[in-house]
Amino acid sequence: MDKTIIIKTETMKQYQFKTNINCGGCIAKVTPLLNADPNIKEWKVDTDNPNKILTVETENLKEEDIKALVQKAGFKAEKVA
């Protein structure tokens, strides 16, 4: 009896953006949009960093998609080089 084993490898991408999300209230505004997107596996904002770095892990989204979500919440996002 043949047994086939399929190994799925996830190609998780991590993007970092400089933002103007600088407090708990700002995070509360962007949270519903980022949490609602099933393509975002994990995200966080480092408000202690002077550049307020947003880190997003995703398999499918592109940089522009994430920027659009952040802008929809009323914030800016610039890709960190």
PDB file of N, CA and C in Angstrom:
ATOM      1  N   MET A   1       0.843  -1.179   0.000  1.00  0.00           N
ATOM      2  CA  MET A   1       0.000   0.000   0.000  1.00  0.00           C
ATOM      3  C   MET A   1       0.893   1.250   0.000  1.00  0.00           C
ATOM      4  N   ASP A   2       0.718   2.085  -1.002  1.00  0.00           N
ATOM      5  CA  ASP A   2       1.497   3.316  -1.097  1.00  0.00           C
ATOM      6  C   ASP A   2       0.918   4.381  -0.189  1.00  0.00           C
ATOM      7  N   LYS A   3       1.807   5.058   0.486  1.00  0.00           N
ATOM      8  CA  LYS A   3       1.398   6.207   1.293  1.00  0.00           C
ATOM      9  C   LYS A   3       2.128   7.425   0.755  1.00  0.00           C
ATOM     10  N   THR A   4       1.362   8.431   0.419  1.00  0.00           N
ATOM     11  CA  THR A   4       1.942   9.662  -0.086  1.00  0.00           C
ATOM     12  C   THR A   4       1.906  10.700   1.023  1.00  0.00           C
ATOM     13  N   ILE A   5       3.033  11.314   1.241  1.00  0.00           N
ATOM     14  CA  ILE A   5       3.116  12.371   2.249  1.00  0.00           C
ATOM     15  C   ILE A   5       3.276  13.691   1.514  1.00  0.00           C
ATOM     16  N   ILE A   6       2.379  14.601   1.819  1.00  0.00           N
ATOM     17  CA  ILE A   6       2.437  15.932   1.209  1.00  0.00           C
ATOM     18  C   ILE A   6       2.881  16.914   2.280  1.00  0.00           C
ATOM     19  N   ILE A   7       3.932  17.623   1.982  1.00  0.00           N
ATOM     20  CA  ILE A   7       4.436  18.632   2.916  1.00  0.00           C
ATOM     21  C   ILE A   7       4.134  19.998   2.327  1.00  0.00           C
ATOM     22  N   LYS A   8       3.359  20.756   3.059  1.00  0.00           N
ATOM     23  CA  LYS A   8       3.013  22.098   2.615  1.00  0.00           C
ATOM     24  C   LYS A   8       4.013  23.073   3.229  1.00  0.00           C
ATOM     25  N   THR A   9       4.658  23.816   2.394  1.00  0.00           N
ATOM     26  CA  THR A   9       5.579  24.827   2.895  1.00  0.00           C
ATOM     27  C   THR A   9       4.927  26.194   2.722  1.00  0.00           C
ATOM     28  N   GLU A  10       4.833  26.895   3.797  1.00  0.00           N
ATOM     29  CA  GLU A  10       4.246  28.232   3.736  1.00  0.00           C
ATOM     30  C   GLU A  10       5.323  29.233   3.360  1.00  0.00           C
ATOM     31  N   THR A  11       4.988  30.093   2.469  1.00  0.00           N
ATOM     32  CA  THR A  11       5.929  31.130   2.069  1.00  0.00           C
ATOM     33  C   THR A  11       5.481  32.436   2.728  1.00  0.00           C
ATOM     34  N   MET A  12       5.732  32.505   4.005  1.00  0.00           N
ATOM     35  CA  MET A  12       5.326  33.671   4.788  1.00  0.00           C
ATOM     36  C   MET A  12       6.273  34.836   4.475  1.00  0.00           C
ATOM     37  N   LYS A  13       5.679  35.966   4.211  1.00  0.00           N
ATOM     38  CA  LYS A  13       6.457  37.187   3.979  1.00  0.00           C
ATOM     39  C   LYS A  13       6.248  38.114   5.167  1.00  0.00           C
ATOM     40  N   GLN A  14       7.282  38.854   5.473  1.00  0.00           N
ATOM     41  CA  GLN A  14       7.162  39.834   6.548  1.00  0.00           C
ATOM     42  C   GLN A  14       7.500  41.208   5.975  1.00  0.00           C
ATOM     43  N   TYR A  15       6.578  42.134   6.178  1.00  0.00           N
ATOM     44  CA  TYR A  15       6.780  43.508   5.726  1.00  0.00           C
ATOM     45  C   TYR A  15       6.872  44.418   6.944  1.00  0.00           C
ATOM     46  N   GLN A  16       7.689  45.459   6.821  1.00  0.00           N
ATOM     47  CA  GLN A  16       7.771  46.462   7.880  1.00  0.00           C
ATOM     48  C   GLN A  16       7.539  47.830   7.268  1.00  0.00           C
ATOM     49  N   PHE A  17       6.749  48.619   7.993  1.00  0.00           N
ATOM     50  CA  PHE A  17       6.388  49.954   7.527  1.00  0.00           C
ATOM     51  C   PHE A  17       6.623  50.980   8.629  1.00  0.00           C
ATOM     52  N   LYS A  18       7.116  52.140   8.240  1.00  0.00           N
ATOM     53  CA  LYS A  18       7.179  53.303   9.124  1.00  0.00           C
ATOM     54  C   LYS A  18       5.784  53.917   9.082  1.00  0.00           C
ATOM     55  N   THR A  19       5.193  54.155  10.256  1.00  0.00           N
ATOM     56  CA  THR A  19       3.818  54.666  10.287  1.00  0.00           C
ATOM     57  C   THR A  19       3.690  55.872  11.214  1.00  0.00           C
ATOM     58  N   ASN A  20       2.481  56.416  11.242  1.00  0.00           N
ATOM     59  CA  ASN A  20       2.140  57.450  12.225  1.00  0.00           C
ATOM     60  C   ASN A  20       1.106  56.895  13.219  1.00  0.00           C
ATOM     61  N   ILE A  21       1.118  55.580  13.405  1.00  0.00           N
ATOM     62  CA  ILE A  21       0.279  54.912  14.411  1.00  0.00           C
ATOM     63  C   ILE A  21       1.059  54.999  15.717  1.00  0.00           C
ATOM     64  N   ASN A  22       0.701  55.968  16.582  1.00  0.00           N
ATOM     65  CA  ASN A  22       1.605  56.253  17.696  1.00  0.00           C
ATOM     66  C   ASN A  22       1.034  56.072  19.097  1.00  0.00           C
ATOM     67  N   CYS A  23      -0.190  55.538  19.215  1.00  0.00           N
ATOM     68  CA  CYS A  23      -0.749  55.360  20.560  1.00  0.00           C
ATOM     69  C   CYS A  23      -1.782  54.244  20.562  1.00  0.00           C
ATOM     70  N   GLY A  24      -2.271  53.917  21.722  1.00  0.00           N
ATOM     71  CA  GLY A  24      -3.279  52.878  21.852  1.00  0.00           C
ATOM     72  C   GLY A  24      -4.547  53.177  21.080  1.00  0.00           C
ATOM     73  N   GLY A  25      -4.935  54.456  21.059  1.00  0.00           N
ATOM     74  CA  GLY A  25      -6.127  54.860  20.319  1.00  0.00           C
ATOM     75  C   GLY A  25      -5.954  54.647  18.823  1.00  0.00           C
ATOM     76  N   CYS A  26      -4.756  54.931  18.331  1.00  0.00           N
ATOM     77  CA  CYS A  26      -4.461  54.716  16.908  1.00  0.00           C
ATOM     78  C   CYS A  26      -4.507  53.225  16.582  1.00  0.00           C
ATOM     79  N   ILE A  27      -3.918  52.420  17.451  1.00  0.00           N
ATOM     80  CA  ILE A  27      -3.924  50.970  17.249  1.00  0.00           C
ATOM     81  C   ILE A  27      -5.359  50.459  17.242  1.00  0.00           C
ATOM     82  N   ALA A  28      -6.200  51.012  18.117  1.00  0.00           N
ATOM     83  CA  ALA A  28      -7.607  50.603  18.176  1.00  0.00           C
ATOM     84  C   ALA A  28      -8.330  50.913  16.859  1.00  0.00           C
ATOM     85  N   LYS A  29      -7.934  51.992  16.177  1.00  0.00           N
ATOM     86  CA  LYS A  29      -8.573  52.347  14.908  1.00  0.00           C
ATOM     87  C   LYS A  29      -8.167  51.409  13.778  1.00  0.00           C
ATOM     88  N   VAL A  30      -6.913  50.968  13.770  1.00  0.00           N
ATOM     89  CA  VAL A  30      -6.413  50.134  12.674  1.00  0.00           C
ATOM     90  C   VAL A  30      -6.685  48.640  12.927  1.00  0.00           C
ATOM     91  N   THR A  31      -6.883  48.258  14.175  1.00  0.00           N
ATOM     92  CA  THR A  31      -7.070  46.849  14.537  1.00  0.00           C
ATOM     93  C   THR A  31      -8.205  46.160  13.770  1.00  0.00           C
ATOM     94  N   PRO A  32      -9.413  46.738  13.701  1.00  0.00           N
ATOM     95  CA  PRO A  32     -10.491  46.025  12.999  1.00  0.00           C
ATOM     96  C   PRO A  32     -10.161  45.714  11.535  1.00  0.00           C
ATOM     97  N   LEU A  33      -9.499  46.634  10.863  1.00  0.00           N
ATOM     98  CA  LEU A  33      -9.169  46.420   9.449  1.00  0.00           C
ATOM     99  C   LEU A  33      -8.102  45.345   9.267  1.00  0.00           C
ATOM    100  N   LEU A  34      -7.069  45.391  10.097  1.00  0.00           N
ATOM    101  CA  LEU A  34      -5.997  44.403   9.962  1.00  0.00           C
ATOM    102  C   LEU A  34      -6.455  43.024  10.428  1.00  0.00           C
ATOM    103  N   ASN A  35      -7.236  42.981  11.492  1.00  0.00           N
ATOM    104  CA  ASN A  35      -7.723  41.689  11.992  1.00  0.00           C
ATOM    105  C   ASN A  35      -8.745  41.054  11.050  1.00  0.00           C
ATOM    106  N   ALA A  36      -9.474  41.867  10.307  1.00  0.00           N
ATOM    107  CA  ALA A  36     -10.518  41.353   9.419  1.00  0.00           C
ATOM    108  C   ALA A  36      -9.957  40.713   8.155  1.00  0.00           C
ATOM    109  N   ASP A  37      -8.718  41.013   7.817  1.00  0.00           N
ATOM    110  CA  ASP A  37      -8.147  40.459   6.590  1.00  0.00           C
ATOM    111  C   ASP A  37      -7.595  39.065   6.863  1.00  0.00           C
ATOM    112  N   PRO A  38      -8.190  38.025   6.269  1.00  0.00           N
ATOM    113  CA  PRO A  38      -7.746  36.658   6.540  1.00  0.00           C
ATOM    114  C   PRO A  38      -6.343  36.349   6.024  1.00  0.00           C
ATOM    115  N   ASN A  39      -5.811  37.202   5.151  1.00  0.00           N
ATOM    116  CA  ASN A  39      -4.462  36.989   4.624  1.00  0.00           C
ATOM    117  C   ASN A  39      -3.371  37.458   5.577  1.00  0.00           C
ATOM    118  N   ILE A  40      -3.738  38.242   6.578  1.00  0.00           N
ATOM    119  CA  ILE A  40      -2.760  38.701   7.565  1.00  0.00           C
ATOM    120  C   ILE A  40      -2.720  37.682   8.691  1.00  0.00           C
ATOM    121  N   LYS A  41      -1.563  37.050   8.844  1.00  0.00           N
ATOM    122  CA  LYS A  41      -1.410  36.013   9.871  1.00  0.00           C
ATOM    123  C   LYS A  41      -1.090  36.630  11.232  1.00  0.00           C
ATOM    124  N   GLU A  42      -0.289  37.690  11.214  1.00  0.00           N
ATOM    125  CA  GLU A  42       0.093  38.350  12.460  1.00  0.00           C
ATOM    126  C   GLU A  42       0.534  39.768  12.144  1.00  0.00           C
ATOM    127  N   TRP A  43       0.288  40.677  13.082  1.00  0.00           N
ATOM    128  CA  TRP A  43       0.752  42.051  12.908  1.00  0.00           C
ATOM    129  C   TRP A  43       0.980  42.671  14.279  1.00  0.00           C
ATOM    130  N   LYS A  44       1.842  43.689  14.315  1.00  0.00           N
ATOM    131  CA  LYS A  44       2.091  44.431  15.551  1.00  0.00           C
ATOM    132  C   LYS A  44       2.671  45.790  15.190  1.00  0.00           C
ATOM    133  N   VAL A  45       2.479  46.721  16.106  1.00  0.00           N
ATOM    134  CA  VAL A  45       3.049  48.062  15.947  1.00  0.00           C
ATOM    135  C   VAL A  45       3.962  48.323  17.136  1.00  0.00           C
ATOM    136  N   ASP A  46       5.191  48.714  16.850  1.00  0.00           N
ATOM    137  CA  ASP A  46       6.150  49.054  17.906  1.00  0.00           C
ATOM    138  C   ASP A  46       6.073  50.570  18.128  1.00  0.00           C
ATOM    139  N   THR A  47       5.220  50.974  19.068  1.00  0.00           N
ATOM    140  CA  THR A  47       5.050  52.411  19.323  1.00  0.00           C
ATOM    141  C   THR A  47       6.226  52.993  20.106  1.00  0.00           C
ATOM    142  N   ASP A  48       7.097  52.149  20.649  1.00  0.00           N
ATOM    143  CA  ASP A  48       8.293  52.640  21.338  1.00  0.00           C
ATOM    144  C   ASP A  48       9.374  53.056  20.337  1.00  0.00           C
ATOM    145  N   ASN A  49       9.323  52.508  19.141  1.00  0.00           N
ATOM    146  CA  ASN A  49      10.275  52.863  18.097  1.00  0.00           C
ATOM    147  C   ASN A  49       9.916  54.253  17.572  1.00  0.00           C
ATOM    148  N   PRO A  50      10.892  55.132  17.380  1.00  0.00           N
ATOM    149  CA  PRO A  50      10.593  56.483  16.881  1.00  0.00           C
ATOM    150  C   PRO A  50       9.862  56.484  15.529  1.00  0.00           C
ATOM    151  N   ASN A  51      10.052  55.419  14.732  1.00  0.00           N
ATOM    152  CA  ASN A  51       9.395  55.314  13.425  1.00  0.00           C
ATOM    153  C   ASN A  51       8.060  54.577  13.478  1.00  0.00           C
ATOM    154  N   LYS A  52       7.628  54.197  14.699  1.00  0.00           N
ATOM    155  CA  LYS A  52       6.325  53.513  14.883  1.00  0.00           C
ATOM    156  C   LYS A  52       6.170  52.369  13.878  1.00  0.00           C
ATOM    157  N   ILE A  53       7.044  51.379  13.963  1.00  0.00           N
ATOM    158  CA  ILE A  53       7.137  50.315  12.972  1.00  0.00           C
ATOM    159  C   ILE A  53       5.974  49.326  13.069  1.00  0.00           C
ATOM    160  N   LEU A  54       5.271  49.174  11.956  1.00  0.00           N
ATOM    161  CA  LEU A  54       4.225  48.168  11.791  1.00  0.00           C
ATOM    162  C   LEU A  54       4.858  46.972  11.097  1.00  0.00           C
ATOM    163  N   THR A  55       4.759  45.794  11.720  1.00  0.00           N
ATOM    164  CA  THR A  55       5.265  44.558  11.132  1.00  0.00           C
ATOM    165  C   THR A  55       4.063  43.682  10.802  1.00  0.00           C
ATOM    166  N   VAL A  56       4.014  43.188   9.576  1.00  0.00           N
ATOM    167  CA  VAL A  56       2.896  42.356   9.116  1.00  0.00           C
ATOM    168  C   VAL A  56       3.448  41.079   8.499  1.00  0.00           C
ATOM    169  N   GLU A  57       2.878  39.940   8.931  1.00  0.00           N
ATOM    170  CA  GLU A  57       3.223  38.657   8.322  1.00  0.00           C
ATOM    171  C   GLU A  57       2.036  38.190   7.494  1.00  0.00           C
ATOM    172  N   THR A  58       2.321  37.811   6.244  1.00  0.00           N
ATOM    173  CA  THR A  58       1.278  37.388   5.313  1.00  0.00           C
ATOM    174  C   THR A  58       1.842  36.408   4.301  1.00  0.00           C
ATOM    175  N   GLU A  59       0.981  35.600   3.736  1.00  0.00           N
ATOM    176  CA  GLU A  59       1.383  34.708   2.649  1.00  0.00           C
ATOM    177  C   GLU A  59       1.054  35.328   1.296  1.00  0.00           C
ATOM    178  N   ASN A  60      -0.063  36.044   1.203  1.00  0.00           N
ATOM    179  CA  ASN A  60      -0.587  36.455  -0.094  1.00  0.00           C
ATOM    180  C   ASN A  60      -0.534  37.944  -0.391  1.00  0.00           C
ATOM    181  N   LEU A  61      -0.576  38.776   0.634  1.00  0.00           N
ATOM    182  CA  LEU A  61      -0.700  40.211   0.389  1.00  0.00           C
ATOM    183  C   LEU A  61       0.600  40.818  -0.120  1.00  0.00           C
ATOM    184  N   LYS A  62       0.421  41.874  -0.885  1.00  0.00           N
ATOM    185  CA  LYS A  62       1.560  42.650  -1.363  1.00  0.00           C
ATOM    186  C   LYS A  62       1.679  43.901  -0.502  1.00  0.00           C
ATOM    187  N   GLU A  63       2.811  44.540  -0.611  1.00  0.00           N
ATOM    188  CA  GLU A  63       3.084  45.769   0.144  1.00  0.00           C
ATOM    189  C   GLU A  63       1.966  46.795  -0.058  1.00  0.00           C
ATOM    190  N   GLU A  64       1.510  46.958  -1.297  1.00  0.00           N
ATOM    191  CA  GLU A  64       0.478  47.948  -1.611  1.00  0.00           C
ATOM    192  C   GLU A  64      -0.845  47.632  -0.911  1.00  0.00           C
ATOM    193  N   ASP A  65      -1.154  46.341  -0.777  1.00  0.00           N
ATOM    194  CA  ASP A  65      -2.399  45.926  -0.115  1.00  0.00           C
ATOM    195  C   ASP A  65      -2.400  46.352   1.355  1.00  0.00           C
ATOM    196  N   ILE A  66      -1.277  46.154   2.004  1.00  0.00           N
ATOM    197  CA  ILE A  66      -1.168  46.494   3.428  1.00  0.00           C
ATOM    198  C   ILE A  66      -1.217  48.005   3.600  1.00  0.00           C
ATOM    199  N   LYS A  67      -0.499  48.719   2.740  1.00  0.00           N
ATOM    200  CA  LYS A  67      -0.519  50.188   2.803  1.00  0.00           C
ATOM    201  C   LYS A  67      -1.946  50.709   2.634  1.00  0.00           C
ATOM    202  N   ALA A  68      -2.706  50.097   1.738  1.00  0.00           N
ATOM    203  CA  ALA A  68      -4.087  50.529   1.487  1.00  0.00           C
ATOM    204  C   ALA A  68      -4.957  50.310   2.729  1.00  0.00           C
ATOM    205  N   LEU A  69      -4.765  49.204   3.436  1.00  0.00           N
ATOM    206  CA  LEU A  69      -5.530  48.949   4.656  1.00  0.00           C
ATOM    207  C   LEU A  69      -5.227  49.994   5.721  1.00  0.00           C
ATOM    208  N   VAL A  70      -3.940  50.301   5.878  1.00  0.00           N
ATOM    209  CA  VAL A  70      -3.526  51.287   6.879  1.00  0.00           C
ATOM    210  C   VAL A  70      -4.083  52.663   6.516  1.00  0.00           C
ATOM    211  N   GLN A  71      -4.030  53.013   5.244  1.00  0.00           N
ATOM    212  CA  GLN A  71      -4.541  54.311   4.785  1.00  0.00           C
ATOM    213  C   GLN A  71      -6.050  54.392   4.948  1.00  0.00           C
ATOM    214  N   LYS A  72      -6.740  53.270   4.764  1.00  0.00           N
ATOM    215  CA  LYS A  72      -8.191  53.239   4.941  1.00  0.00           C
ATOM    216  C   LYS A  72      -8.567  53.579   6.384  1.00  0.00           C
ATOM    217  N   ALA A  73      -7.681  53.228   7.324  1.00  0.00           N
ATOM    218  CA  ALA A  73      -7.911  53.543   8.741  1.00  0.00           C
ATOM    219  C   ALA A  73      -7.500  54.980   9.068  1.00  0.00           C
ATOM    220  N   GLY A  74      -6.907  55.686   8.086  1.00  0.00           N
ATOM    221  CA  GLY A  74      -6.545  57.083   8.287  1.00  0.00           C
ATOM    222  C   GLY A  74      -5.095  57.315   8.676  1.00  0.00           C
ATOM    223  N   PHE A  75      -4.235  56.338   8.397  1.00  0.00           N
ATOM    224  CA  PHE A  75      -2.821  56.460   8.772  1.00  0.00           C
ATOM    225  C   PHE A  75      -1.923  56.305   7.558  1.00  0.00           C
ATOM    226  N   LYS A  76      -0.669  56.688   7.740  1.00  0.00           N
ATOM    227  CA  LYS A  76       0.338  56.574   6.684  1.00  0.00           C
ATOM    228  C   LYS A  76       1.188  55.349   6.947  1.00  0.00           C
ATOM    229  N   ALA A  77       1.693  54.745   5.857  1.00  0.00           N
ATOM    230  CA  ALA A  77       2.612  53.616   5.969  1.00  0.00           C
ATOM    231  C   ALA A  77       3.618  53.697   4.832  1.00  0.00           C
ATOM    232  N   GLU A  78       4.903  53.719   5.188  1.00  0.00           N
ATOM    233  CA  GLU A  78       5.981  53.726   4.213  1.00  0.00           C
ATOM    234  C   GLU A  78       6.818  52.494   4.431  1.00  0.00           C
ATOM    235  N   LYS A  79       7.109  51.768   3.361  1.00  0.00           N
ATOM    236  CA  LYS A  79       7.922  50.553   3.464  1.00  0.00           C
ATOM    237  C   LYS A  79       9.300  50.889   4.023  1.00  0.00           C
ATOM    238  N   VAL A  80       9.738  50.095   4.999  1.00  0.00           N
ATOM    239  CA  VAL A  80      11.082  50.249   5.548  1.00  0.00           C
ATOM    240  C   VAL A  80      12.033  49.494   4.624  1.00  0.00           C
ATOM    241  N   ALA A  81      13.082  50.185   4.171  1.00  0.00           N
ATOM    242  CA  ALA A  81      14.025  49.559   3.232  1.00  0.00           C
ATOM    243  C   ALA A  81      14.819  48.450   3.879  1.00  0.00           C
TER     244      ALA A  81
END
